[in-house]
N, C-alpha and C. Protein backbone atom coordinates (compact mmCIF):
# COMPACT_ATOMS: atom_id res chain seq x y z
N MET A 1 -202.24 -56.90 -71.96
CA MET A 1 -202.04 -58.42 -71.19
C MET A 1 -200.85 -58.90 -71.27
N SER A 2 -199.58 -58.55 -71.93
CA SER A 2 -198.04 -59.67 -72.27
C SER A 2 -197.59 -59.03 -70.55
N ILE A 3 -197.84 -57.61 -70.25
CA ILE A 3 -197.26 -57.44 -68.76
C ILE A 3 -197.58 -58.49 -67.81
N LEU A 4 -198.51 -58.62 -67.65
CA LEU A 4 -199.44 -59.81 -66.96
C LEU A 4 -198.92 -61.39 -67.16
N ILE A 5 -198.76 -61.32 -68.26
CA ILE A 5 -197.77 -62.92 -69.16
C ILE A 5 -196.05 -62.73 -68.03
N GLU A 6 -196.11 -61.29 -68.21
CA GLU A 6 -194.44 -61.87 -68.30
C GLU A 6 -194.69 -61.58 -66.64
N ILE A 7 -195.18 -60.73 -65.51
CA ILE A 7 -195.00 -60.84 -64.31
C ILE A 7 -195.80 -61.93 -63.26
N VAL A 8 -196.31 -63.20 -64.17
CA VAL A 8 -196.54 -64.13 -64.10
C VAL A 8 -195.40 -65.39 -64.51
N GLN A 9 -194.63 -64.74 -65.61
CA GLN A 9 -193.54 -65.65 -65.69
C GLN A 9 -192.32 -65.50 -64.90
N GLY A 10 -192.52 -64.25 -64.52
CA GLY A 10 -191.19 -64.12 -63.09
C GLY A 10 -191.56 -64.44 -62.08
N ILE A 11 -192.67 -64.62 -61.78
CA ILE A 11 -193.21 -65.39 -59.91
C ILE A 11 -192.81 -66.80 -60.35
N GLY A 12 -192.92 -67.53 -61.65
CA GLY A 12 -192.81 -68.78 -61.68
C GLY A 12 -191.36 -69.01 -62.02
N ALA A 13 -190.40 -68.00 -62.24
CA ALA A 13 -189.36 -68.36 -62.40
C ALA A 13 -188.64 -68.19 -60.80
N ILE A 14 -189.10 -67.29 -59.94
CA ILE A 14 -188.58 -67.25 -59.25
C ILE A 14 -189.06 -68.47 -58.31
N ALA A 15 -190.63 -68.72 -58.02
CA ALA A 15 -190.51 -70.06 -57.19
C ALA A 15 -189.74 -71.03 -58.18
N LEU A 16 -188.93 -71.35 -59.02
CA LEU A 16 -188.95 -72.44 -59.67
C LEU A 16 -187.37 -72.38 -58.65
N THR A 17 -186.91 -71.19 -58.80
CA THR A 17 -185.63 -71.04 -57.79
C THR A 17 -185.72 -71.52 -56.12
N PHE A 18 -187.06 -71.40 -55.76
CA PHE A 18 -186.88 -71.68 -54.46
C PHE A 18 -186.98 -73.18 -54.47
N ILE A 19 -187.35 -73.81 -55.41
CA ILE A 19 -188.09 -75.49 -55.31
C ILE A 19 -186.49 -75.66 -55.76
N ASN A 20 -185.99 -75.24 -56.51
CA ASN A 20 -184.25 -76.14 -56.65
C ASN A 20 -183.77 -75.78 -55.35
N ILE A 21 -183.46 -74.87 -54.81
CA ILE A 21 -183.03 -74.32 -53.55
C ILE A 21 -183.25 -75.48 -52.61
N TYR A 22 -185.01 -75.44 -52.85
CA TYR A 22 -185.24 -76.19 -51.33
C TYR A 22 -184.67 -77.90 -51.90
N MET A 23 -184.78 -78.64 -52.68
CA MET A 23 -184.31 -79.41 -53.55
C MET A 23 -182.67 -79.91 -52.67
N TRP A 24 -182.05 -78.72 -53.07
CA TRP A 24 -180.63 -79.17 -52.33
C TRP A 24 -180.38 -79.40 -51.26
N VAL A 25 -181.49 -78.41 -50.74
CA VAL A 25 -181.55 -78.53 -49.08
C VAL A 25 -181.66 -79.82 -48.77
N VAL A 26 -182.77 -80.61 -48.87
CA VAL A 26 -183.16 -82.25 -49.09
C VAL A 26 -181.86 -82.75 -49.18
N ILE A 27 -181.03 -82.72 -50.18
CA ILE A 27 -179.98 -83.01 -50.66
C ILE A 27 -179.07 -83.17 -49.42
N ILE A 28 -178.98 -81.89 -49.02
CA ILE A 28 -177.40 -81.93 -48.07
C ILE A 28 -177.62 -82.78 -46.95
N THR A 29 -179.17 -82.60 -46.52
CA THR A 29 -179.21 -83.09 -44.68
C THR A 29 -179.56 -84.76 -45.38
N ALA A 30 -179.71 -84.84 -46.00
CA ALA A 30 -179.93 -86.70 -46.26
C ALA A 30 -178.11 -87.18 -46.55
N LEU A 31 -177.58 -86.35 -47.16
CA LEU A 31 -175.87 -86.84 -46.91
C LEU A 31 -175.58 -86.15 -45.46
N LEU A 32 -176.21 -85.52 -44.78
CA LEU A 32 -175.79 -85.50 -43.08
C LEU A 32 -176.43 -86.77 -42.30
N GLY A 33 -177.16 -87.46 -43.34
CA GLY A 33 -177.44 -88.35 -41.82
C GLY A 33 -176.44 -89.41 -42.14
N PHE A 34 -175.84 -89.59 -43.44
CA PHE A 34 -174.29 -90.17 -43.48
C PHE A 34 -173.42 -90.06 -42.66
N VAL A 35 -172.65 -88.65 -42.47
CA VAL A 35 -171.99 -88.35 -41.33
C VAL A 35 -172.34 -88.53 -40.33
N ASN A 36 -173.70 -88.28 -39.71
CA ASN A 36 -173.66 -88.00 -37.99
C ASN A 36 -173.21 -86.93 -37.17
N PRO A 37 -173.95 -85.65 -37.82
CA PRO A 37 -173.43 -84.42 -37.08
C PRO A 37 -173.50 -83.84 -35.75
N ASP A 38 -173.07 -82.56 -35.22
CA ASP A 38 -173.23 -82.61 -34.23
C ASP A 38 -174.16 -81.69 -33.89
N PRO A 39 -175.71 -82.39 -33.57
CA PRO A 39 -177.17 -82.24 -33.30
C PRO A 39 -177.16 -80.32 -32.72
N PHE A 40 -176.03 -79.74 -32.27
CA PHE A 40 -176.12 -78.33 -31.67
C PHE A 40 -175.66 -77.73 -32.25
N ASN A 41 -175.27 -77.77 -33.56
CA ASN A 41 -174.52 -77.26 -34.55
C ASN A 41 -175.77 -76.11 -35.78
N PRO A 42 -175.51 -75.00 -35.39
CA PRO A 42 -176.76 -73.88 -35.72
C PRO A 42 -177.44 -74.38 -37.43
N ILE A 43 -176.09 -74.51 -38.04
CA ILE A 43 -176.71 -74.93 -39.65
C ILE A 43 -177.18 -76.23 -39.77
N VAL A 44 -176.77 -77.39 -38.77
CA VAL A 44 -177.33 -78.57 -38.91
C VAL A 44 -179.48 -78.35 -38.51
N GLN A 45 -179.07 -77.54 -37.11
CA GLN A 45 -180.41 -77.28 -36.48
C GLN A 45 -180.92 -76.75 -37.62
N PHE A 46 -181.20 -75.61 -38.56
CA PHE A 46 -181.61 -74.81 -39.14
C PHE A 46 -182.15 -76.10 -40.24
N LEU A 47 -180.84 -76.79 -41.12
CA LEU A 47 -181.26 -77.52 -42.16
C LEU A 47 -182.37 -78.45 -41.57
N TYR A 48 -182.42 -79.73 -40.53
CA TYR A 48 -183.58 -80.14 -39.72
C TYR A 48 -184.97 -79.42 -39.91
N ARG A 49 -184.78 -78.00 -39.36
CA ARG A 49 -186.25 -77.57 -39.26
C ARG A 49 -186.60 -77.33 -40.43
N ILE A 50 -186.15 -76.85 -41.27
CA ILE A 50 -186.50 -76.56 -42.53
C ILE A 50 -187.20 -77.82 -43.51
N THR A 51 -186.60 -79.20 -43.38
CA THR A 51 -186.95 -80.11 -44.15
C THR A 51 -188.14 -81.24 -43.14
N ASN A 52 -187.51 -81.08 -41.61
CA ASN A 52 -188.62 -81.79 -41.14
C ASN A 52 -189.54 -81.58 -41.74
N PRO A 53 -190.56 -80.57 -41.77
CA PRO A 53 -192.18 -80.94 -42.23
C PRO A 53 -192.29 -81.55 -43.27
N ALA A 54 -191.77 -81.61 -44.50
CA ALA A 54 -192.03 -82.63 -45.53
C ALA A 54 -191.55 -83.60 -45.03
N TYR A 55 -190.27 -84.22 -44.72
CA TYR A 55 -190.07 -85.75 -44.53
C TYR A 55 -191.30 -85.88 -43.29
N ALA A 56 -191.89 -85.40 -42.20
CA ALA A 56 -193.24 -85.40 -42.13
C ALA A 56 -193.97 -85.94 -42.92
N LEU A 57 -194.74 -85.23 -43.50
CA LEU A 57 -195.44 -85.11 -44.12
C LEU A 57 -195.55 -86.41 -45.54
N VAL A 58 -193.97 -87.26 -46.03
CA VAL A 58 -194.23 -87.85 -46.40
C VAL A 58 -194.00 -89.68 -45.91
N LYS A 59 -193.62 -89.47 -44.74
CA LYS A 59 -193.78 -90.51 -43.57
C LYS A 59 -195.45 -90.70 -43.27
N ARG A 60 -195.84 -89.38 -43.45
CA ARG A 60 -196.79 -90.04 -42.70
C ARG A 60 -198.19 -90.62 -44.05
N TYR A 61 -197.81 -90.18 -45.20
CA TYR A 61 -198.84 -91.47 -46.03
C TYR A 61 -198.10 -92.49 -46.24
N ILE A 62 -196.58 -92.71 -45.94
CA ILE A 62 -195.66 -93.59 -47.27
C ILE A 62 -195.02 -94.10 -46.05
N ARG A 63 -194.70 -95.36 -46.40
CA ARG A 63 -193.78 -96.32 -45.50
C ARG A 63 -192.35 -96.28 -46.60
N THR A 64 -191.73 -95.35 -45.54
CA THR A 64 -190.43 -94.74 -46.90
C THR A 64 -189.10 -96.04 -46.18
N ASN A 65 -189.13 -96.73 -44.76
CA ASN A 65 -187.86 -97.37 -44.54
C ASN A 65 -188.06 -98.74 -45.07
N PHE A 66 -186.95 -99.36 -45.83
CA PHE A 66 -187.01 -100.21 -46.66
C PHE A 66 -185.74 -101.14 -46.18
N ASN A 67 -185.60 -102.01 -45.29
CA ASN A 67 -184.16 -102.87 -44.79
C ASN A 67 -183.20 -101.73 -44.29
N GLY A 68 -183.80 -100.95 -43.47
CA GLY A 68 -183.09 -100.07 -43.01
C GLY A 68 -182.25 -98.57 -43.47
N LEU A 69 -183.06 -98.56 -44.49
CA LEU A 69 -182.45 -96.86 -45.85
C LEU A 69 -184.00 -96.56 -45.80
N ASP A 70 -183.79 -95.30 -45.51
CA ASP A 70 -185.17 -94.07 -45.28
C ASP A 70 -184.82 -93.97 -46.62
N LEU A 71 -186.12 -93.78 -47.66
CA LEU A 71 -186.16 -93.43 -48.53
C LEU A 71 -186.76 -91.85 -48.73
N ALA A 72 -187.41 -91.39 -47.73
CA ALA A 72 -187.83 -90.28 -47.60
C ALA A 72 -187.13 -88.90 -48.41
N SER A 73 -185.98 -89.05 -48.10
CA SER A 73 -185.82 -87.42 -49.06
C SER A 73 -185.73 -87.78 -50.61
N LEU A 74 -185.74 -89.19 -51.02
CA LEU A 74 -185.52 -89.60 -52.67
C LEU A 74 -187.46 -89.31 -52.99
N ILE A 75 -188.20 -89.69 -52.32
CA ILE A 75 -189.70 -89.34 -52.63
C ILE A 75 -190.02 -87.95 -52.89
N ILE A 76 -189.37 -87.40 -51.45
CA ILE A 76 -189.59 -85.57 -51.57
C ILE A 76 -188.50 -85.00 -52.83
N ILE A 77 -187.80 -85.37 -53.15
CA ILE A 77 -186.60 -84.83 -54.35
C ILE A 77 -187.40 -85.35 -55.85
N VAL A 78 -188.31 -86.84 -56.23
CA VAL A 78 -189.00 -86.54 -56.78
C VAL A 78 -190.13 -86.24 -57.44
N GLY A 79 -190.64 -85.77 -56.39
CA GLY A 79 -191.98 -84.80 -55.58
C GLY A 79 -191.99 -83.69 -56.56
N LEU A 80 -190.42 -82.93 -56.23
CA LEU A 80 -190.19 -81.78 -56.07
C LEU A 80 -189.74 -81.58 -57.73
N GLN A 81 -189.17 -82.81 -58.27
CA GLN A 81 -188.80 -82.74 -60.08
C GLN A 81 -190.18 -82.57 -60.72
N ILE A 82 -191.18 -83.59 -59.95
CA ILE A 82 -192.17 -83.36 -60.97
C ILE A 82 -193.02 -81.89 -60.93
N ILE A 83 -193.27 -81.77 -59.63
CA ILE A 83 -193.51 -80.35 -59.45
C ILE A 83 -192.79 -79.14 -60.81
N ILE A 84 -191.53 -79.19 -61.17
CA ILE A 84 -190.58 -78.58 -61.24
C ILE A 84 -191.20 -78.51 -63.14
N VAL A 85 -191.37 -79.83 -63.35
CA VAL A 85 -191.67 -80.32 -65.04
C VAL A 85 -193.17 -79.67 -65.07
N PHE A 86 -193.99 -79.68 -63.87
CA PHE A 86 -194.96 -79.52 -64.35
C PHE A 86 -194.82 -77.79 -64.08
N LEU A 87 -194.12 -76.98 -63.58
CA LEU A 87 -194.18 -75.60 -63.74
C LEU A 87 -193.23 -75.01 -64.97
N CYS A 88 -192.63 -75.70 -64.98
CA CYS A 88 -192.06 -75.05 -66.26
C CYS A 88 -193.19 -75.48 -67.62
N ALA A 89 -193.50 -76.78 -67.80
CA ALA A 89 -194.76 -76.15 -68.85
C ALA A 89 -195.58 -75.52 -68.92
N LEU A 90 -196.09 -74.79 -67.50
CA LEU A 90 -197.22 -73.99 -67.41
C LEU A 90 -196.50 -73.10 -68.19
N LEU A 91 -195.79 -72.80 -67.15
CA LEU A 91 -194.87 -72.02 -67.81
C LEU A 91 -194.74 -70.94 -68.78
N ARG A 92 -194.41 -72.33 -69.92
CA ARG A 92 -194.02 -72.22 -71.79
C ARG A 92 -195.03 -72.21 -72.50
N ALA A 93 -196.36 -72.13 -71.53
CA ALA A 93 -197.36 -72.91 -72.49
C ALA A 93 -198.41 -70.93 -72.45
N LEU A 94 -197.52 -70.20 -71.71
CA LEU A 94 -198.29 -68.83 -71.44
C LEU A 94 -197.69 -67.89 -72.79
């Protein structure tokens, strides 16, 4: 039974790593919005392609534009932090 627990904890650690990486991608994409980069740059296109589904999901259910400031990335980061805390507590309980 302890092997199964270790496997689940390992998969959980990998999931936490991917969530942290995605959180940093969202932060980088939000910072790119202030700089107005070249839209034909492959790195910029990749970042937008990765984050647009999350932005679309948040913007569909929550009004994120307040006085010209888009808070969708902040909502996504808070949501990811909640998932991280929940997943860490769940993994510690095993």
